[in-house]
PDB file of N, CA and C in Angstrom:
ATOM      1  N   UNK A   1     134.319  92.979  59.037  1.00  0.00           N
ATOM      2  CA  UNK A   1     134.812  94.387  59.451  1.00  0.00           C
ATOM      3  C   UNK A   1     136.368  94.394  59.412  1.00  0.00           C
ATOM      4  N   UNK A   2     136.985  95.189  58.781  1.00  0.00           N
ATOM      5  CA  UNK A   2     138.521  95.313  58.898  1.00  0.00           C
ATOM      6  C   UNK A   2     138.898  95.760  60.406  1.00  0.00           C
ATOM      7  N   UNK A   3     139.970  95.132  60.899  1.00  0.00           N
ATOM      8  CA  UNK A   3     140.271  95.431  62.259  1.00  0.00           C
ATOM      9  C   UNK A   3     140.896  96.836  62.346  1.00  0.00           C
ATOM     10  N   UNK A   4     140.807  97.432  63.578  1.00  0.00           N
ATOM     11  CA  UNK A   4     141.113  98.771  63.838  1.00  0.00           C
ATOM     12  C   UNK A   4     142.669  98.986  63.537  1.00  0.00           C
ATOM     13  N   UNK A   5     143.444  97.973  63.740  1.00  0.00           N
ATOM     14  CA  UNK A   5     144.834  98.062  63.459  1.00  0.00           C
ATOM     15  C   UNK A   5     145.100  98.257  62.008  1.00  0.00           C
ATOM     16  N   UNK A   6     144.443  97.535  61.226  1.00  0.00           N
ATOM     17  CA  UNK A   6     144.714  97.505  59.740  1.00  0.00           C
ATOM     18  C   UNK A   6     144.197  98.865  59.311  1.00  0.00           C
ATOM     19  N   UNK A   7     143.165  99.457  59.699  1.00  0.00           N
ATOM     20  CA  UNK A   7     142.501 100.750  59.263  1.00  0.00           C
ATOM     21  C   UNK A   7     143.673 101.843  59.736  1.00  0.00           C
ATOM     22  N   UNK A   8     144.142 101.675  60.919  1.00  0.00           N
ATOM     23  CA  UNK A   8     145.114 102.698  61.352  1.00  0.00           C
ATOM     24  C   UNK A   8     146.383 102.499  60.569  1.00  0.00           C
ATOM     25  N   UNK A   9     146.903 101.381  60.179  1.00  0.00           N
ATOM     26  CA  UNK A   9     147.873 101.073  59.301  1.00  0.00           C
ATOM     27  C   UNK A   9     147.791 101.771  57.866  1.00  0.00           C
ATOM     28  N   UNK A  10     146.572 101.773  57.404  1.00  0.00           N
ATOM     29  CA  UNK A  10     146.193 102.247  56.134  1.00  0.00           C
ATOM     30  C   UNK A  10     146.435 103.815  56.065  1.00  0.00           C
ATOM     31  N   UNK A  11     145.878 104.307  57.146  1.00  0.00           N
ATOM     32  CA  UNK A  11     146.127 105.783  57.347  1.00  0.00           C
ATOM     33  C   UNK A  11     147.576 106.303  57.665  1.00  0.00           C
ATOM     34  N   UNK A  12     148.158 105.474  58.489  1.00  0.00           N
ATOM     35  CA  UNK A  12     149.720 105.751  58.517  1.00  0.00           C
ATOM     36  C   UNK A  12     150.415 105.698  57.235  1.00  0.00           C
ATOM     37  N   UNK A  13     150.121 104.868  56.506  1.00  0.00           N
ATOM     38  CA  UNK A  13     150.874 104.666  55.151  1.00  0.00           C
ATOM     39  C   UNK A  13     150.507 105.855  54.194  1.00  0.00           C
ATOM     40  N   UNK A  14     149.208 106.286  54.319  1.00  0.00           N
ATOM     41  CA  UNK A  14     148.649 107.460  53.522  1.00  0.00           C
ATOM     42  C   UNK A  14     149.386 108.672  53.878  1.00  0.00           C
ATOM     43  N   UNK A  15     149.432 108.918  55.272  1.00  0.00           N
ATOM     44  CA  UNK A  15     150.001 110.018  55.777  1.00  0.00           C
ATOM     45  C   UNK A  15     151.648 110.010  55.448  1.00  0.00           C
ATOM     46  N   UNK A  16     152.413 108.880  55.561  1.00  0.00           N
ATOM     47  CA  UNK A  16     153.759 108.812  55.172  1.00  0.00           C
ATOM     48  C   UNK A  16     153.908 109.156  53.706  1.00  0.00           C
ATOM     49  N   UNK A  17     152.970 108.555  52.931  1.00  0.00           N
ATOM     50  CA  UNK A  17     153.130 108.823  51.543  1.00  0.00           C
ATOM     51  C   UNK A  17     153.075 110.231  51.059  1.00  0.00           C
ATOM     52  N   UNK A  18     152.290 111.037  51.831  1.00  0.00           N
ATOM     53  CA  UNK A  18     152.118 112.429  51.437  1.00  0.00           C
ATOM     54  C   UNK A  18     153.367 113.185  51.919  1.00  0.00           C
ATOM     55  N   UNK A  19     153.814 112.775  53.123  1.00  0.00           N
ATOM     56  CA  UNK A  19     154.844 113.526  53.859  1.00  0.00           C
ATOM     57  C   UNK A  19     156.237 113.358  53.167  1.00  0.00           C
ATOM     58  N   UNK A  20     156.564 111.915  52.981  1.00  0.00           N
ATOM     59  CA  UNK A  20     157.979 111.640  52.615  1.00  0.00           C
ATOM     60  C   UNK A  20     158.086 110.632  51.436  1.00  0.00           C
ATOM     61  N   UNK A  21     156.814 109.924  51.101  1.00  0.00           N
ATOM     62  CA  UNK A  21     156.945 108.873  50.178  1.00  0.00           C
ATOM     63  C   UNK A  21     157.014 107.596  50.949  1.00  0.00           C
ATOM     64  N   UNK A  22     156.832 106.652  50.046  1.00  0.00           N
ATOM     65  CA  UNK A  22     156.809 105.170  50.565  1.00  0.00           C
ATOM     66  C   UNK A  22     157.829 104.330  49.840  1.00  0.00           C
ATOM     67  N   UNK A  23     158.476 103.374  50.574  1.00  0.00           N
ATOM     68  CA  UNK A  23     159.272 102.460  49.972  1.00  0.00           C
ATOM     69  C   UNK A  23     158.461 101.482  49.128  1.00  0.00           C
ATOM     70  N   UNK A  24     159.014 100.550  48.167  1.00  0.00           N
ATOM     71  CA  UNK A  24     158.272  99.668  47.455  1.00  0.00           C
ATOM     72  C   UNK A  24     157.563  98.669  48.281  1.00  0.00           C
ATOM     73  N   UNK A  25     158.248  98.304  49.350  1.00  0.00           N
ATOM     74  CA  UNK A  25     157.532  97.240  50.226  1.00  0.00           C
ATOM     75  C   UNK A  25     156.267  97.940  50.956  1.00  0.00           C
ATOM     76  N   UNK A  26     156.435  99.241  51.300  1.00  0.00           N
ATOM     77  CA  UNK A  26     155.352  99.852  51.918  1.00  0.00           C
ATOM     78  C   UNK A  26     154.055 100.212  50.870  1.00  0.00           C
ATOM     79  N   UNK A  27     154.547 100.362  49.694  1.00  0.00           N
ATOM     80  CA  UNK A  27     153.495 100.511  48.545  1.00  0.00           C
ATOM     81  C   UNK A  27     152.866  99.327  48.358  1.00  0.00           C
ATOM     82  N   UNK A  28     153.563  98.111  48.397  1.00  0.00           N
ATOM     83  CA  UNK A  28     152.841  96.834  48.287  1.00  0.00           C
ATOM     84  C   UNK A  28     151.907  96.592  49.407  1.00  0.00           C
ATOM     85  N   UNK A  29     152.440  96.848  50.675  1.00  0.00           N
ATOM     86  CA  UNK A  29     151.586  96.716  51.764  1.00  0.00           C
ATOM     87  C   UNK A  29     150.392  97.380  51.651  1.00  0.00           C
ATOM     88  N   UNK A  30     150.578  98.800  51.333  1.00  0.00           N
ATOM     89  CA  UNK A  30     149.283  99.613  51.257  1.00  0.00           C
ATOM     90  C   UNK A  30     148.252  99.201  50.134  1.00  0.00           C
ATOM     91  N   UNK A  31     148.790  98.616  49.027  1.00  0.00           N
ATOM     92  CA  UNK A  31     148.086  98.141  48.053  1.00  0.00           C
ATOM     93  C   UNK A  31     147.131  96.907  48.444  1.00  0.00           C
ATOM     94  N   UNK A  32     147.860  96.167  49.232  1.00  0.00           N
ATOM     95  CA  UNK A  32     147.178  94.908  49.781  1.00  0.00           C
ATOM     96  C   UNK A  32     146.089  95.253  50.723  1.00  0.00           C
ATOM     97  N   UNK A  33     146.508  96.233  51.705  1.00  0.00           N
ATOM     98  CA  UNK A  33     145.549  96.551  52.804  1.00  0.00           C
ATOM     99  C   UNK A  33     144.308  97.348  51.976  1.00  0.00           C
ATOM    100  N   UNK A  34     144.562  98.136  51.093  1.00  0.00           N
ATOM    101  CA  UNK A  34     143.468  98.785  50.395  1.00  0.00           C
ATOM    102  C   UNK A  34     142.430  97.883  49.637  1.00  0.00           C
ATOM    103  N   UNK A  35     143.055  96.845  49.026  1.00  0.00           N
ATOM    104  CA  UNK A  35     142.434  95.739  48.413  1.00  0.00           C
ATOM    105  C   UNK A  35     141.387  94.883  49.534  1.00  0.00           C
ATOM    106  N   UNK A  36     141.971  94.678  50.442  1.00  0.00           N
ATOM    107  CA  UNK A  36     141.343  94.060  51.721  1.00  0.00           C
ATOM    108  C   UNK A  36     140.199  94.833  52.202  1.00  0.00           C
ATOM    109  N   UNK A  37     140.377  96.062  52.283  1.00  0.00           N
ATOM    110  CA  UNK A  37     139.422  97.074  52.696  1.00  0.00           C
ATOM    111  C   UNK A  37     138.284  97.295  51.803  1.00  0.00           C
ATOM    112  N   UNK A  38     138.620  97.170  50.509  1.00  0.00           N
ATOM    113  CA  UNK A  38     137.470  97.374  49.571  1.00  0.00           C
ATOM    114  C   UNK A  38     136.829  96.139  49.496  1.00  0.00           C
ATOM    115  N   UNK A  39     137.294  94.821  49.497  1.00  0.00           N
ATOM    116  CA  UNK A  39     136.736  93.769  49.518  1.00  0.00           C
ATOM    117  C   UNK A  39     135.656  93.633  50.702  1.00  0.00           C
ATOM    118  N   UNK A  40     136.010  94.108  51.805  1.00  0.00           N
ATOM    119  CA  UNK A  40     135.255  93.995  53.062  1.00  0.00           C
ATOM    120  C   UNK A  40     134.088  94.993  52.888  1.00  0.00           C
ATOM    121  N   UNK A  41     134.460  96.088  52.347  1.00  0.00           N
ATOM    122  CA  UNK A  41     133.337  97.138  52.097  1.00  0.00           C
ATOM    123  C   UNK A  41     132.257  96.650  51.202  1.00  0.00           C
ATOM    124  N   UNK A  42     132.700  96.196  50.113  1.00  0.00           N
ATOM    125  CA  UNK A  42     131.746  95.582  48.987  1.00  0.00           C
ATOM    126  C   UNK A  42     130.943  94.577  49.611  1.00  0.00           C
ATOM    127  N   UNK A  43     131.552  93.805  50.315  1.00  0.00           N
ATOM    128  CA  UNK A  43     130.703  92.555  50.958  1.00  0.00           C
ATOM    129  C   UNK A  43     129.671  93.092  51.903  1.00  0.00           C
ATOM    130  N   UNK A  44     130.089  94.148  52.738  1.00  0.00           N
ATOM    131  CA  UNK A  44     129.120  94.580  53.681  1.00  0.00           C
ATOM    132  C   UNK A  44     127.941  95.375  52.920  1.00  0.00           C
ATOM    133  N   UNK A  45     128.314  96.198  51.866  1.00  0.00           N
ATOM    134  CA  UNK A  45     127.299  96.813  51.203  1.00  0.00           C
ATOM    135  C   UNK A  45     126.397  95.658  50.418  1.00  0.00           C
ATOM    136  N   UNK A  46     126.962  94.722  49.829  1.00  0.00           N
ATOM    137  CA  UNK A  46     125.980  93.845  49.238  1.00  0.00           C
ATOM    138  C   UNK A  46     125.151  93.145  50.256  1.00  0.00           C
ATOM    139  N   UNK A  47     125.652  92.828  51.238  1.00  0.00           N
ATOM    140  CA  UNK A  47     124.961  92.047  52.385  1.00  0.00           C
ATOM    141  C   UNK A  47     123.720  93.046  52.794  1.00  0.00           C
ATOM    142  N   UNK A  48     124.013  94.444  52.920  1.00  0.00           N
ATOM    143  CA  UNK A  48     123.073  95.324  53.303  1.00  0.00           C
ATOM    144  C   UNK A  48     122.009  95.427  52.188  1.00  0.00           C
ATOM    145  N   UNK A  49     122.453  95.480  50.939  1.00  0.00           N
ATOM    146  CA  UNK A  49     121.395  95.547  49.848  1.00  0.00           C
ATOM    147  C   UNK A  49     120.405  94.524  49.767  1.00  0.00           C
ATOM    148  N   UNK A  50     120.807  93.358  50.202  1.00  0.00           N
ATOM    149  CA  UNK A  50     120.054  92.154  50.241  1.00  0.00           C
ATOM    150  C   UNK A  50     118.745  92.184  51.304  1.00  0.00           C
ATOM    151  N   UNK A  51     118.921  93.212  52.034  1.00  0.00           N
ATOM    152  CA  UNK A  51     117.822  93.401  52.971  1.00  0.00           C
ATOM    153  C   UNK A  51     117.062  94.714  52.764  1.00  0.00           C
ATOM    154  N   UNK A  52     117.143  95.348  51.428  1.00  0.00           N
ATOM    155  CA  UNK A  52     116.494  96.465  51.193  1.00  0.00           C
ATOM    156  C   UNK A  52     115.202  96.413  50.356  1.00  0.00           C
ATOM    157  N   UNK A  53     114.219  97.248  50.671  1.00  0.00           N
ATOM    158  CA  UNK A  53     113.145  97.359  49.968  1.00  0.00           C
ATOM    159  C   UNK A  53     112.934  98.848  49.585  1.00  0.00           C
ATOM    160  N   UNK A  54     112.636  99.107  48.347  1.00  0.00           N
ATOM    161  CA  UNK A  54     112.503 100.689  48.116  1.00  0.00           C
ATOM    162  C   UNK A  54     110.964 100.695  47.862  1.00  0.00           C
ATOM    163  N   UNK A  55     110.433 101.781  48.618  1.00  0.00           N
ATOM    164  CA  UNK A  55     109.121 102.170  48.754  1.00  0.00           C
ATOM    165  C   UNK A  55     108.835 103.538  48.179  1.00  0.00           C
ATOM    166  N   UNK A  56     108.007 103.801  47.213  1.00  0.00           N
ATOM    167  CA  UNK A  56     107.662 105.103  46.826  1.00  0.00           C
ATOM    168  C   UNK A  56     106.811 105.913  47.791  1.00  0.00           C
ATOM    169  N   UNK A  57     106.730 107.223  47.596  1.00  0.00           N
ATOM    170  CA  UNK A  57     105.809 107.994  48.529  1.00  0.00           C
ATOM    171  C   UNK A  57     104.387 107.549  48.637  1.00  0.00           C
ATOM    172  N   UNK A  58     103.872 106.873  47.651  1.00  0.00           N
ATOM    173  CA  UNK A  58     102.469 106.180  47.732  1.00  0.00           C
ATOM    174  C   UNK A  58     102.492 104.798  48.343  1.00  0.00           C
ATOM    175  N   UNK A  59     103.646 104.384  48.838  1.00  0.00           N
ATOM    176  CA  UNK A  59     103.721 103.102  49.466  1.00  0.00           C
ATOM    177  C   UNK A  59     103.859 101.745  48.555  1.00  0.00           C
ATOM    178  N   UNK A  60     104.082 102.130  47.313  1.00  0.00           N
ATOM    179  CA  UNK A  60     104.272 100.936  46.316  1.00  0.00           C
ATOM    180  C   UNK A  60     105.674 100.642  46.457  1.00  0.00           C
ATOM    181  N   UNK A  61     105.918  99.257  46.414  1.00  0.00           N
ATOM    182  CA  UNK A  61     107.360  98.674  46.303  1.00  0.00           C
ATOM    183  C   UNK A  61     107.885  98.814  44.956  1.00  0.00           C
ATOM    184  N   UNK A  62     108.961  99.832  44.844  1.00  0.00           N
ATOM    185  CA  UNK A  62     109.596 100.071  43.553  1.00  0.00           C
ATOM    186  C   UNK A  62     110.976  99.564  43.506  1.00  0.00           C
ATOM    187  N   UNK A  63     111.197  98.420  44.466  1.00  0.00           N
ATOM    188  CA  UNK A  63     112.545  97.866  44.271  1.00  0.00           C
ATOM    189  C   UNK A  63     112.825  97.440  42.783  1.00  0.00           C
ATOM    190  N   UNK A  64     114.077  97.775  42.302  1.00  0.00           N
ATOM    191  CA  UNK A  64     114.477  97.343  41.118  1.00  0.00           C
ATOM    192  C   UNK A  64     114.208  95.716  40.859  1.00  0.00           C
ATOM    193  N   UNK A  65     113.898  95.250  39.789  1.00  0.00           N
ATOM    194  CA  UNK A  65     113.691  93.778  39.497  1.00  0.00           C
ATOM    195  C   UNK A  65     114.953  93.121  39.945  1.00  0.00           C
ATOM    196  N   UNK A  66     115.977  93.578  39.135  1.00  0.00           N
ATOM    197  CA  UNK A  66     117.229  92.926  39.408  1.00  0.00           C
ATOM    198  C   UNK A  66     117.594  92.687  40.893  1.00  0.00           C
ATOM    199  N   UNK A  67     117.490  93.528  41.714  1.00  0.00           N
ATOM    200  CA  UNK A  67     117.683  93.490  43.133  1.00  0.00           C
ATOM    201  C   UNK A  67     116.651  92.424  43.717  1.00  0.00           C
ATOM    202  N   UNK A  68     115.356  92.445  43.363  1.00  0.00           N
ATOM    203  CA  UNK A  68     114.449  91.432  43.721  1.00  0.00           C
ATOM    204  C   UNK A  68     114.819  90.047  43.484  1.00  0.00           C
ATOM    205  N   UNK A  69     115.333  90.015  42.029  1.00  0.00           N
ATOM    206  CA  UNK A  69     115.826  88.554  41.761  1.00  0.00           C
ATOM    207  C   UNK A  69     117.072  88.013  42.425  1.00  0.00           C
ATOM    208  N   UNK A  70     117.929  88.908  42.860  1.00  0.00           N
ATOM    209  CA  UNK A  70     119.144  88.594  43.573  1.00  0.00           C
ATOM    210  C   UNK A  70     118.697  88.137  45.028  1.00  0.00           C
ATOM    211  N   UNK A  71     117.709  88.914  45.599  1.00  0.00           N
ATOM    212  CA  UNK A  71     117.184  88.612  47.064  1.00  0.00           C
ATOM    213  C   UNK A  71     116.584  87.227  46.981  1.00  0.00           C
ATOM    214  N   UNK A  72     115.794  86.923  46.012  1.00  0.00           N
ATOM    215  CA  UNK A  72     115.057  85.709  45.945  1.00  0.00           C
ATOM    216  C   UNK A  72     116.095  84.619  45.744  1.00  0.00           C
ATOM    217  N   UNK A  73     116.952  84.875  44.780  1.00  0.00           N
ATOM    218  CA  UNK A  73     118.175  83.669  44.648  1.00  0.00           C
ATOM    219  C   UNK A  73     118.755  83.379  46.053  1.00  0.00           C
ATOM    220  N   UNK A  74     119.061  84.539  46.895  1.00  0.00           N
ATOM    221  CA  UNK A  74     119.712  84.331  48.059  1.00  0.00           C
ATOM    222  C   UNK A  74     119.029  83.599  49.103  1.00  0.00           C
ATOM    223  N   UNK A  75     117.672  83.687  49.039  1.00  0.00           N
ATOM    224  CA  UNK A  75     116.817  83.108  49.921  1.00  0.00           C
ATOM    225  C   UNK A  75     116.614  81.617  49.698  1.00  0.00           C
ATOM    226  N   UNK A  76     116.844  81.085  48.681  1.00  0.00           N
ATOM    227  CA  UNK A  76     116.780  79.753  48.184  1.00  0.00           C
ATOM    228  C   UNK A  76     117.932  79.028  48.669  1.00  0.00           C
ATOM    229  N   UNK A  77     119.127  79.749  48.947  1.00  0.00           N
ATOM    230  CA  UNK A  77     120.183  79.080  49.302  1.00  0.00           C
ATOM    231  C   UNK A  77     120.300  78.887  50.828  1.00  0.00           C
TER     232      UNK A  77
END
């Protein structure tokens, strides 16, 4: 999870960008913070998906085979 301070900084930079614009250094900082945020978000989502089973209204497992294969691969490690 990204720290509260970093999320606040992302928001501060976005607000400043809308109001008055950012310096080149601030733009670079914003780019790096956003990349870190997206990396963390994707990692979290991927982790959650490894624990998902999709069941239809009849109670049948309809989890996509690609996801089942990835889940099986991770269980081996």
